Amino acid sequence: MTSSQRSALVGGLILIALGVIFLLGQVAPNLFGFLDAFSWPLIIVGGGVLLLIIGVLTNTPGMAVPACIVGGIGLLLYWQNQTGNWESWSYAWALIPGFVGVGTLLMGVWQGRWDEVRGGLWLIVISALLFVVFGSLLGGLFGGSLGAIGKWWPLALIALGVLSLFDALAKRRTV
């Protein structure tokens, strides 16, 4: 069986399963009442997990990236829904490149391509630094607007520059 045939088979089975589940929900609405205990963002997290499972079943490493984006945003929405801190979107968006980085890292490990692993790690580091900088400037982190790190946030940029220099020097030595 070819990869595209497996993809079509898995996709068809997933659609049938979802159809049966939603049909049962329409016919017997109280059947899934136990799900009320769960938070709606977990459905989005489940979508990310489903994308990753599809990628594994169809041997499609590239599915790791959208799976991590969807799952990461779902986790972020879950945290915001639980805390009520919806204002955090003003700086939490900076985590999305990190979700791409996690997906790229997984894809690189899956394929044994260490250049992709390195690229994924860089995206995670840059995303974390952006999150800290914007979180401190926009009032969400470190005790409010320009809180604990306040005027010291440029140190994050300096650290990124130092990491970049070390990375460039390491590449130069391996060439």
C-alpha atoms as a PDB file:
ATOM      1  CA  MET A   1       0.000   0.000   0.000  1.00  0.00           C
ATOM      2  CA  THR A   2       1.428   3.387  -0.989  1.00  0.00           C
ATOM      3  CA  SER A   3       1.709   6.374   1.307  1.00  0.00           C
ATOM      4  CA  SER A   4      -1.094   8.231  -0.450  1.00  0.00           C
ATOM      5  CA  GLN A   5      -3.357   5.176  -0.179  1.00  0.00           C
ATOM      6  CA  ARG A   6      -2.610   4.940   3.548  1.00  0.00           C
ATOM      7  CA  SER A   7      -3.340   8.649   3.925  1.00  0.00           C
ATOM      8  CA  ALA A   8      -6.665   8.291   2.151  1.00  0.00           C
ATOM      9  CA  LEU A   9      -7.532   5.217   4.228  1.00  0.00           C
ATOM     10  CA  VAL A  10      -6.681   6.876   7.547  1.00  0.00           C
ATOM     11  CA  GLY A  11      -8.467  10.088   6.518  1.00  0.00           C
ATOM     12  CA  GLY A  12     -11.579   8.161   5.538  1.00  0.00           C
ATOM     13  CA  LEU A  13     -11.619   6.201   8.795  1.00  0.00           C
ATOM     14  CA  ILE A  14     -11.213   9.375  10.823  1.00  0.00           C
ATOM     15  CA  LEU A  15     -14.088  11.059   8.972  1.00  0.00           C
ATOM     16  CA  ILE A  16     -16.322   8.033   9.527  1.00  0.00           C
ATOM     17  CA  ALA A  17     -15.453   7.925  13.243  1.00  0.00           C
ATOM     18  CA  LEU A  18     -16.114  11.652  13.654  1.00  0.00           C
ATOM     19  CA  GLY A  19     -19.384  11.327  11.777  1.00  0.00           C
ATOM     20  CA  VAL A  20     -20.538   8.486  14.050  1.00  0.00           C
ATOM     21  CA  ILE A  21     -19.572  10.444  17.172  1.00  0.00           C
ATOM     22  CA  PHE A  22     -21.373  13.611  16.024  1.00  0.00           C
ATOM     23  CA  LEU A  23     -24.424  11.608  14.917  1.00  0.00           C
ATOM     24  CA  LEU A  24     -24.623   9.996  18.346  1.00  0.00           C
ATOM     25  CA  GLY A  25     -24.378  13.477  19.867  1.00  0.00           C
ATOM     26  CA  GLN A  26     -27.320  14.643  17.725  1.00  0.00           C
ATOM     27  CA  VAL A  27     -29.493  11.588  18.404  1.00  0.00           C
ATOM     28  CA  ALA A  28     -28.728  11.333  22.144  1.00  0.00           C
ATOM     29  CA  PRO A  29     -27.597  14.777  23.373  1.00  0.00           C
ATOM     30  CA  ASN A  30     -27.126  13.619  26.983  1.00  0.00           C
ATOM     31  CA  LEU A  31     -24.803  10.820  25.906  1.00  0.00           C
ATOM     32  CA  PHE A  32     -21.747  13.071  26.106  1.00  0.00           C
ATOM     33  CA  GLY A  33     -22.801  15.035  29.199  1.00  0.00           C
ATOM     34  CA  PHE A  34     -19.656  13.902  31.009  1.00  0.00           C
ATOM     35  CA  LEU A  35     -17.645  16.111  28.644  1.00  0.00           C
ATOM     36  CA  ASP A  36     -19.015  19.232  30.358  1.00  0.00           C
ATOM     37  CA  ALA A  37     -16.268  18.787  32.940  1.00  0.00           C
ATOM     38  CA  PHE A  38     -13.683  19.436  30.243  1.00  0.00           C
ATOM     39  CA  SER A  39     -12.769  22.858  28.966  1.00  0.00           C
ATOM     40  CA  TRP A  40     -13.454  23.704  25.310  1.00  0.00           C
ATOM     41  CA  PRO A  41      -9.786  24.471  24.467  1.00  0.00           C
ATOM     42  CA  LEU A  42      -8.975  20.826  25.099  1.00  0.00           C
ATOM     43  CA  ILE A  43     -10.833  20.077  21.858  1.00  0.00           C
ATOM     44  CA  ILE A  44      -8.247  22.202  20.061  1.00  0.00           C
ATOM     45  CA  VAL A  45      -5.430  20.391  21.877  1.00  0.00           C
ATOM     46  CA  GLY A  46      -7.061  17.134  20.776  1.00  0.00           C
ATOM     47  CA  GLY A  47      -7.008  18.397  17.190  1.00  0.00           C
ATOM     48  CA  GLY A  48      -3.262  18.910  17.475  1.00  0.00           C
ATOM     49  CA  VAL A  49      -2.810  15.417  18.887  1.00  0.00           C
ATOM     50  CA  LEU A  50      -4.970  14.041  16.074  1.00  0.00           C
ATOM     51  CA  LEU A  51      -2.793  15.784  13.477  1.00  0.00           C
ATOM     52  CA  LEU A  52       0.305  14.264  15.051  1.00  0.00           C
ATOM     53  CA  ILE A  53      -1.277  10.784  15.066  1.00  0.00           C
ATOM     54  CA  ILE A  54      -2.206  11.190  11.387  1.00  0.00           C
ATOM     55  CA  GLY A  55       1.383  12.174  10.668  1.00  0.00           C
ATOM     56  CA  VAL A  56       2.687   9.089  12.446  1.00  0.00           C
ATOM     57  CA  LEU A  57       0.206   6.730  10.760  1.00  0.00           C
ATOM     58  CA  THR A  58       0.931   8.124   7.310  1.00  0.00           C
ATOM     59  CA  ASN A  59       4.679   8.568   7.964  1.00  0.00           C
ATOM     60  CA  THR A  60       4.423  12.278   7.191  1.00  0.00           C
ATOM     61  CA  PRO A  61       6.967  14.081   9.412  1.00  0.00           C
ATOM     62  CA  GLY A  62       5.801  17.483   8.163  1.00  0.00           C
ATOM     63  CA  MET A  63       2.538  17.028  10.101  1.00  0.00           C
ATOM     64  CA  ALA A  64       4.481  17.659  13.314  1.00  0.00           C
ATOM     65  CA  VAL A  65       4.595  21.400  12.609  1.00  0.00           C
ATOM     66  CA  PRO A  66       0.835  22.066  12.238  1.00  0.00           C
ATOM     67  CA  ALA A  67       0.170  19.580  15.049  1.00  0.00           C
ATOM     68  CA  CYS A  68       2.389  21.560  17.428  1.00  0.00           C
ATOM     69  CA  ILE A  69       0.913  24.888  16.327  1.00  0.00           C
ATOM     70  CA  VAL A  70      -2.675  23.720  16.877  1.00  0.00           C
ATOM     71  CA  GLY A  71      -1.847  21.896  20.119  1.00  0.00           C
ATOM     72  CA  GLY A  72       0.208  24.799  21.465  1.00  0.00           C
ATOM     73  CA  ILE A  73      -2.502  27.343  20.742  1.00  0.00           C
ATOM     74  CA  GLY A  74      -5.005  24.986  22.374  1.00  0.00           C
ATOM     75  CA  LEU A  75      -2.858  24.810  25.518  1.00  0.00           C
ATOM     76  CA  LEU A  76      -2.488  28.577  25.532  1.00  0.00           C
ATOM     77  CA  LEU A  77      -6.262  28.998  25.197  1.00  0.00           C
ATOM     78  CA  TYR A  78      -6.762  26.451  27.971  1.00  0.00           C
ATOM     79  CA  TRP A  79      -4.527  28.459  30.307  1.00  0.00           C
ATOM     80  CA  GLN A  80      -6.294  31.699  29.385  1.00  0.00           C
ATOM     81  CA  ASN A  81      -9.719  30.114  29.837  1.00  0.00           C
ATOM     82  CA  GLN A  82      -8.774  28.761  33.271  1.00  0.00           C
ATOM     83  CA  THR A  83      -7.221  32.004  34.509  1.00  0.00           C
ATOM     84  CA  GLY A  84      -9.446  34.484  32.700  1.00  0.00           C
ATOM     85  CA  ASN A  85      -6.308  36.323  31.580  1.00  0.00           C
ATOM     86  CA  TRP A  86      -7.398  36.981  27.997  1.00  0.00           C
ATOM     87  CA  GLU A  87      -5.359  40.202  27.925  1.00  0.00           C
ATOM     88  CA  SER A  88      -2.252  38.043  27.750  1.00  0.00           C
ATOM     89  CA  TRP A  89      -2.830  37.752  23.974  1.00  0.00           C
ATOM     90  CA  SER A  90      -1.025  41.098  23.745  1.00  0.00           C
ATOM     91  CA  TYR A  91       2.235  39.200  24.296  1.00  0.00           C
ATOM     92  CA  ALA A  92       1.328  35.482  24.221  1.00  0.00           C
ATOM     93  CA  TRP A  93       1.279  35.528  20.401  1.00  0.00           C
ATOM     94  CA  ALA A  94       5.071  35.517  20.647  1.00  0.00           C
ATOM     95  CA  LEU A  95       4.860  31.855  21.689  1.00  0.00           C
ATOM     96  CA  ILE A  96       3.488  30.776  18.298  1.00  0.00           C
ATOM     97  CA  PRO A  97       6.912  30.774  16.576  1.00  0.00           C
ATOM     98  CA  GLY A  98       8.033  28.565  19.475  1.00  0.00           C
ATOM     99  CA  PHE A  99       5.248  26.116  18.648  1.00  0.00           C
ATOM    100  CA  VAL A 100       6.557  26.077  15.071  1.00  0.00           C
ATOM    101  CA  GLY A 101      10.022  25.462  16.534  1.00  0.00           C
ATOM    102  CA  VAL A 102       8.799  22.488  18.573  1.00  0.00           C
ATOM    103  CA  GLY A 103       7.192  21.028  15.440  1.00  0.00           C
ATOM    104  CA  THR A 104      10.350  21.622  13.415  1.00  0.00           C
ATOM    105  CA  LEU A 105      12.450  20.036  16.143  1.00  0.00           C
ATOM    106  CA  LEU A 106      10.177  16.957  16.219  1.00  0.00           C
ATOM    107  CA  MET A 107      10.246  16.746  12.436  1.00  0.00           C
ATOM    108  CA  GLY A 108      14.046  16.967  12.426  1.00  0.00           C
ATOM    109  CA  VAL A 109      14.407  14.237  15.039  1.00  0.00           C
ATOM    110  CA  TRP A 110      11.879  12.079  13.151  1.00  0.00           C
ATOM    111  CA  GLN A 111      13.872  12.413   9.917  1.00  0.00           C
ATOM    112  CA  GLY A 112      17.312  12.432  11.537  1.00  0.00           C
ATOM    113  CA  ARG A 113      18.003  15.892  10.085  1.00  0.00           C
ATOM    114  CA  TRP A 114      19.958  17.749  12.728  1.00  0.00           C
ATOM    115  CA  ASP A 115      19.947  21.029  10.797  1.00  0.00           C
ATOM    116  CA  GLU A 116      16.157  21.100  11.282  1.00  0.00           C
ATOM    117  CA  VAL A 117      16.583  20.301  14.980  1.00  0.00           C
ATOM    118  CA  ARG A 118      18.948  23.265  15.270  1.00  0.00           C
ATOM    119  CA  GLY A 119      16.475  25.496  13.412  1.00  0.00           C
ATOM    120  CA  GLY A 120      13.670  24.378  15.708  1.00  0.00           C
ATOM    121  CA  LEU A 121      15.760  25.139  18.778  1.00  0.00           C
ATOM    122  CA  TRP A 122      16.508  28.619  17.436  1.00  0.00           C
ATOM    123  CA  LEU A 123      12.809  29.291  16.896  1.00  0.00           C
ATOM    124  CA  ILE A 124      12.078  28.207  20.456  1.00  0.00           C
ATOM    125  CA  VAL A 125      14.794  30.485  21.885  1.00  0.00           C
ATOM    126  CA  ILE A 126      13.691  33.477  19.795  1.00  0.00           C
ATOM    127  CA  SER A 127      10.058  32.889  20.724  1.00  0.00           C
ATOM    128  CA  ALA A 128      10.897  32.693  24.428  1.00  0.00           C
ATOM    129  CA  LEU A 129      12.890  35.920  24.244  1.00  0.00           C
ATOM    130  CA  LEU A 130      10.084  37.693  22.387  1.00  0.00           C
ATOM    131  CA  PHE A 131       7.615  36.432  24.990  1.00  0.00           C
ATOM    132  CA  VAL A 132       9.748  37.811  27.830  1.00  0.00           C
ATOM    133  CA  VAL A 133      10.353  41.169  26.118  1.00  0.00           C
ATOM    134  CA  PHE A 134       6.745  41.779  25.074  1.00  0.00           C
ATOM    135  CA  GLY A 135       5.401  40.354  28.323  1.00  0.00           C
ATOM    136  CA  SER A 136       7.504  42.753  30.348  1.00  0.00           C
ATOM    137  CA  LEU A 137       6.716  45.747  28.150  1.00  0.00           C
ATOM    138  CA  LEU A 138       2.990  45.091  27.862  1.00  0.00           C
ATOM    139  CA  GLY A 139       2.407  44.441  31.524  1.00  0.00           C
ATOM    140  CA  GLY A 140       1.799  40.752  31.741  1.00  0.00           C
ATOM    141  CA  LEU A 141       5.028  39.453  33.183  1.00  0.00           C
ATOM    142  CA  PHE A 142       7.213  40.352  36.118  1.00  0.00           C
ATOM    143  CA  GLY A 143       4.749  42.413  38.111  1.00  0.00           C
ATOM    144  CA  GLY A 144       3.183  44.696  35.548  1.00  0.00           C
ATOM    145  CA  SER A 145       4.267  47.155  32.926  1.00  0.00           C
ATOM    146  CA  LEU A 146       8.026  47.498  32.999  1.00  0.00           C
ATOM    147  CA  GLY A 147       8.059  45.487  36.218  1.00  0.00           C
ATOM    148  CA  ALA A 148      10.994  43.510  37.549  1.00  0.00           C
ATOM    149  CA  ILE A 149      13.034  43.406  34.351  1.00  0.00           C
ATOM    150  CA  GLY A 150      11.706  46.788  33.197  1.00  0.00           C
ATOM    151  CA  LYS A 151      14.680  48.668  31.850  1.00  0.00           C
ATOM    152  CA  TRP A 152      16.765  45.481  31.660  1.00  0.00           C
ATOM    153  CA  TRP A 153      14.846  43.808  28.809  1.00  0.00           C
ATOM    154  CA  PRO A 154      17.566  44.757  26.270  1.00  0.00           C
ATOM    155  CA  LEU A 155      19.707  42.112  27.983  1.00  0.00           C
ATOM    156  CA  ALA A 156      17.511  39.539  26.242  1.00  0.00           C
ATOM    157  CA  LEU A 157      18.507  41.034  22.885  1.00  0.00           C
ATOM    158  CA  ILE A 158      22.169  41.001  23.879  1.00  0.00           C
ATOM    159  CA  ALA A 159      21.844  37.333  24.903  1.00  0.00           C
ATOM    160  CA  LEU A 160      20.272  36.530  21.544  1.00  0.00           C
ATOM    161  CA  GLY A 161      23.145  38.289  19.778  1.00  0.00           C
ATOM    162  CA  VAL A 162      25.733  36.355  21.792  1.00  0.00           C
ATOM    163  CA  LEU A 163      23.962  33.063  20.995  1.00  0.00           C
ATOM    164  CA  SER A 164      23.900  34.007  17.335  1.00  0.00           C
ATOM    165  CA  LEU A 165      27.638  34.754  17.343  1.00  0.00           C
ATOM    166  CA  PHE A 166      28.448  31.447  19.024  1.00  0.00           C
ATOM    167  CA  ASP A 167      26.247  29.615  16.542  1.00  0.00           C
ATOM    168  CA  ALA A 168      27.953  31.318  13.596  1.00  0.00           C
ATOM    169  CA  LEU A 169      31.406  30.487  15.010  1.00  0.00           C
ATOM    170  CA  ALA A 170      30.393  26.862  15.600  1.00  0.00           C
ATOM    171  CA  LYS A 171      29.166  26.561  12.000  1.00  0.00           C
ATOM    172  CA  ARG A 172      32.411  28.085  10.753  1.00  0.00           C
ATOM    173  CA  ARG A 173      34.494  25.476  12.599  1.00  0.00           C
ATOM    174  CA  THR A 174      32.463  22.567  11.247  1.00  0.00           C
ATOM    175  CA  VAL A 175      32.768  23.707   7.623  1.00  0.00           C
END
